[in-house]
Structures are given as C-alpha cells and as structure tokens.
C-alpha atoms as a PDB file:
ATOM      1  CA  UNK A   1      12.735   3.107  -1.729  1.00  0.00           C
ATOM      2  CA  UNK A   2       9.828   3.020  -4.171  1.00  0.00           C
ATOM      3  CA  UNK A   3       7.564   5.015  -1.798  1.00  0.00           C
ATOM      4  CA  UNK A   4       9.942   8.008  -1.842  1.00  0.00           C
ATOM      5  CA  UNK A   5       9.903   8.495  -5.639  1.00  0.00           C
ATOM      6  CA  UNK A   6       6.858  10.800  -5.511  1.00  0.00           C
ATOM      7  CA  UNK A   7       8.354  12.940  -2.744  1.00  0.00           C
ATOM      8  CA  UNK A   8      11.667  13.160  -4.620  1.00  0.00           C
ATOM      9  CA  UNK A   9       9.880  14.156  -7.837  1.00  0.00           C
ATOM     10  CA  UNK A  10       7.964  16.863  -5.954  1.00  0.00           C
ATOM     11  CA  UNK A  11      11.185  18.120  -4.374  1.00  0.00           C
ATOM     12  CA  UNK A  12      12.856  18.320  -7.787  1.00  0.00           C
ATOM     13  CA  UNK A  13       9.831  20.121  -9.235  1.00  0.00           C
ATOM     14  CA  UNK A  14       9.880  22.687  -6.422  1.00  0.00           C
ATOM     15  CA  UNK A  15      13.638  23.175  -6.856  1.00  0.00           C
ATOM     16  CA  UNK A  16      13.191  23.716 -10.596  1.00  0.00           C
ATOM     17  CA  UNK A  17      10.408  26.213  -9.923  1.00  0.00           C
ATOM     18  CA  UNK A  18      12.565  28.176  -7.488  1.00  0.00           C
ATOM     19  CA  UNK A  19      15.503  28.175  -9.911  1.00  0.00           C
ATOM     20  CA  UNK A  20      13.162  29.362 -12.670  1.00  0.00           C
ATOM     21  CA  UNK A  21      11.888  32.222 -10.523  1.00  0.00           C
ATOM     22  CA  UNK A  22      15.465  33.299  -9.737  1.00  0.00           C
ATOM     23  CA  UNK A  23      16.298  33.195 -13.438  1.00  0.00           C
ATOM     24  CA  UNK A  24      13.277  35.359 -14.312  1.00  0.00           C
ATOM     25  CA  UNK A  25      14.266  37.762 -11.532  1.00  0.00           C
ATOM     26  CA  UNK A  26      17.795  38.104 -12.887  1.00  0.00           C
ATOM     27  CA  UNK A  27      16.501  38.544 -16.421  1.00  0.00           C
ATOM     28  CA  UNK A  28      13.968  41.240 -15.435  1.00  0.00           C
ATOM     29  CA  UNK A  29      16.215  43.070 -12.955  1.00  0.00           C
ATOM     30  CA  UNK A  30      16.958  46.749 -13.379  1.00  0.00           C
ATOM     31  CA  UNK A  31      20.379  47.604 -14.707  1.00  0.00           C
ATOM     32  CA  UNK A  32      23.181  48.426 -12.280  1.00  0.00           C
ATOM     33  CA  UNK A  33      23.657  51.726 -14.106  1.00  0.00           C
ATOM     34  CA  UNK A  34      22.747  54.473 -11.562  1.00  0.00           C
ATOM     35  CA  UNK A  35      20.927  56.547 -14.171  1.00  0.00           C
ATOM     36  CA  UNK A  36      18.638  53.642 -14.986  1.00  0.00           C
ATOM     37  CA  UNK A  37      18.347  52.158 -11.476  1.00  0.00           C
ATOM     38  CA  UNK A  38      17.221  55.319  -9.635  1.00  0.00           C
ATOM     39  CA  UNK A  39      13.513  55.580  -8.865  1.00  0.00           C
ATOM     40  CA  UNK A  40      11.556  57.980 -11.018  1.00  0.00           C
ATOM     41  CA  UNK A  41      10.094  60.900  -9.095  1.00  0.00           C
ATOM     42  CA  UNK A  42       9.420  63.697 -11.529  1.00  0.00           C
ATOM     43  CA  UNK A  43      13.000  63.443 -12.753  1.00  0.00           C
ATOM     44  CA  UNK A  44      14.474  64.302  -9.325  1.00  0.00           C
ATOM     45  CA  UNK A  45      16.416  62.030  -7.003  1.00  0.00           C
ATOM     46  CA  UNK A  46      14.725  61.401  -3.641  1.00  0.00           C
ATOM     47  CA  UNK A  47      15.978  63.634  -0.833  1.00  0.00           C
ATOM     48  CA  UNK A  48      14.849  61.524   2.135  1.00  0.00           C
ATOM     49  CA  UNK A  49      14.359  57.888   2.999  1.00  0.00           C
ATOM     50  CA  UNK A  50      10.797  56.703   2.249  1.00  0.00           C
ATOM     51  CA  UNK A  51      10.194  55.536   5.831  1.00  0.00           C
ATOM     52  CA  UNK A  52      11.497  58.718   7.451  1.00  0.00           C
ATOM     53  CA  UNK A  53       8.123  60.436   7.063  1.00  0.00           C
ATOM     54  CA  UNK A  54       6.340  58.123   9.481  1.00  0.00           C
ATOM     55  CA  UNK A  55       6.664  58.531  13.213  1.00  0.00           C
ATOM     56  CA  UNK A  56       7.326  55.404  15.270  1.00  0.00           C
ATOM     57  CA  UNK A  57       4.010  55.745  17.145  1.00  0.00           C
ATOM     58  CA  UNK A  58       2.128  54.757  13.994  1.00  0.00           C
ATOM     59  CA  UNK A  59       3.633  51.290  14.174  1.00  0.00           C
ATOM     60  CA  UNK A  60       2.225  50.769  17.684  1.00  0.00           C
ATOM     61  CA  UNK A  61      -1.163  52.043  16.526  1.00  0.00           C
ATOM     62  CA  UNK A  62      -1.023  49.621  13.611  1.00  0.00           C
ATOM     63  CA  UNK A  63      -0.431  46.720  15.995  1.00  0.00           C
ATOM     64  CA  UNK A  64      -3.413  47.778  18.100  1.00  0.00           C
ATOM     65  CA  UNK A  65      -5.542  47.971  14.951  1.00  0.00           C
ATOM     66  CA  UNK A  66      -4.428  44.489  13.918  1.00  0.00           C
ATOM     67  CA  UNK A  67      -5.328  43.166  17.362  1.00  0.00           C
ATOM     68  CA  UNK A  68      -8.872  44.510  17.025  1.00  0.00           C
ATOM     69  CA  UNK A  69      -9.069  43.324  13.440  1.00  0.00           C
ATOM     70  CA  UNK A  70      -8.147  39.794  14.508  1.00  0.00           C
ATOM     71  CA  UNK A  71     -10.677  40.037  17.308  1.00  0.00           C
ATOM     72  CA  UNK A  72     -13.422  40.544  14.746  1.00  0.00           C
ATOM     73  CA  UNK A  73     -11.989  37.731  12.650  1.00  0.00           C
ATOM     74  CA  UNK A  74     -12.407  35.333  15.571  1.00  0.00           C
ATOM     75  CA  UNK A  75     -15.700  36.697  16.856  1.00  0.00           C
ATOM     76  CA  UNK A  76     -17.697  36.118  13.669  1.00  0.00           C
ATOM     77  CA  UNK A  77     -17.274  32.313  13.552  1.00  0.00           C
ATOM     78  CA  UNK A  78     -17.701  32.228  17.338  1.00  0.00           C
ATOM     79  CA  UNK A  79     -21.057  33.990  17.018  1.00  0.00           C
ATOM     80  CA  UNK A  80     -22.188  31.358  14.551  1.00  0.00           C
ATOM     81  CA  UNK A  81     -21.450  28.382  16.813  1.00  0.00           C
ATOM     82  CA  UNK A  82     -21.902  29.773  20.337  1.00  0.00           C
ATOM     83  CA  UNK A  83     -25.500  28.523  20.582  1.00  0.00           C
ATOM     84  CA  UNK A  84     -24.443  24.974  19.660  1.00  0.00           C
ATOM     85  CA  UNK A  85     -21.317  24.814  21.814  1.00  0.00           C
ATOM     86  CA  UNK A  86     -22.802  26.410  24.915  1.00  0.00           C
ATOM     87  CA  UNK A  87     -21.244  28.082  27.953  1.00  0.00           C
ATOM     88  CA  UNK A  88     -17.719  26.830  27.286  1.00  0.00           C
ATOM     89  CA  UNK A  89     -17.602  28.948  24.110  1.00  0.00           C
ATOM     90  CA  UNK A  90     -18.625  32.020  26.094  1.00  0.00           C
ATOM     91  CA  UNK A  91     -15.909  31.365  28.674  1.00  0.00           C
ATOM     92  CA  UNK A  92     -13.290  30.915  25.949  1.00  0.00           C
ATOM     93  CA  UNK A  93     -14.313  34.149  24.221  1.00  0.00           C
ATOM     94  CA  UNK A  94     -14.130  36.110  27.462  1.00  0.00           C
ATOM     95  CA  UNK A  95     -10.654  34.646  28.021  1.00  0.00           C
ATOM     96  CA  UNK A  96      -9.658  35.801  24.542  1.00  0.00           C
ATOM     97  CA  UNK A  97     -11.099  39.268  25.186  1.00  0.00           C
ATOM     98  CA  UNK A  98      -9.247  39.416  28.515  1.00  0.00           C
ATOM     99  CA  UNK A  99      -5.953  38.737  26.727  1.00  0.00           C
ATOM    100  CA  UNK A 100      -6.806  41.426  24.207  1.00  0.00           C
ATOM    101  CA  UNK A 101      -7.633  43.846  27.012  1.00  0.00           C
ATOM    102  CA  UNK A 102      -4.223  43.194  28.572  1.00  0.00           C
ATOM    103  CA  UNK A 103      -2.633  44.218  25.255  1.00  0.00           C
ATOM    104  CA  UNK A 104      -4.760  47.365  25.048  1.00  0.00           C
ATOM    105  CA  UNK A 105      -3.891  48.350  28.629  1.00  0.00           C
ATOM    106  CA  UNK A 106      -0.205  47.830  27.856  1.00  0.00           C
ATOM    107  CA  UNK A 107      -0.465  49.943  24.686  1.00  0.00           C
ATOM    108  CA  UNK A 108      -2.295  52.643  26.625  1.00  0.00           C
ATOM    109  CA  UNK A 109       0.370  52.615  29.333  1.00  0.00           C
ATOM    110  CA  UNK A 110       3.109  52.908  26.693  1.00  0.00           C
ATOM    111  CA  UNK A 111       1.340  55.885  25.096  1.00  0.00           C
ATOM    112  CA  UNK A 112       0.239  54.292  21.837  1.00  0.00           C
ATOM    113  CA  UNK A 113      -3.049  56.199  21.928  1.00  0.00           C
ATOM    114  CA  UNK A 114      -1.499  59.676  22.330  1.00  0.00           C
ATOM    115  CA  UNK A 115      -1.783  61.560  19.074  1.00  0.00           C
ATOM    116  CA  UNK A 116       0.557  64.445  19.773  1.00  0.00           C
END
C-alpha cells in the first residue's frame, strides 16, 4: 500500500487543480443577463452565425493542407537520417508518400480542388 501513496497524492493534486480551474471559470464567467452576455460588434447584435460565411469545401482544402504540412514535418527528420539508415528509409518514405498520394487522389475525385 505504501507504493501507491505518491500516485494517490498526484491524483488528489490533479483533482484539486481541475476543481480550481472550474471555480475560476465560474467566477470569471459572463453574466446570464442578455445585455451583458451578447458579443460586442459595434453595438449591434450579430445577424448570422459565425460559421455560416465559410463554404464546406474550405474544410476539405484545410485537410489537404494539413496532410501536406505533416508530410513536411516527417520529411525533415527523414532527410537528416536517410544517409545513416540506408535504403529501408527510402522505401518507408515512398510508402508514406504513396499513402499521401492516395489521399490527394481521393480529394481530387471528391472535388476538393475545385474553386468555384
């Protein structure tokens, strides 16, 4: 039982931290009064939902961008160690690029690259 005292103390500390954050959130929350809770936009109430301005195709384009962004994230460390690791690193990178290409072909087929 003695070996679990540290884990129990950490669990209690985390629980106290979470309870403290909830208490700060309740203390700093905006009033339920509609005149004080409405967002400020030049004194006028918003007329449309904030997400209604964006077309759904932008979400697909964002996913394609993230795929290419992650590709660069993985290719930089790969470029640093490819000479040491050898041909197996090249094969693994081409496998990764093949999976990425499958995603790009799928996005192209679904029309994610059409702008109009």
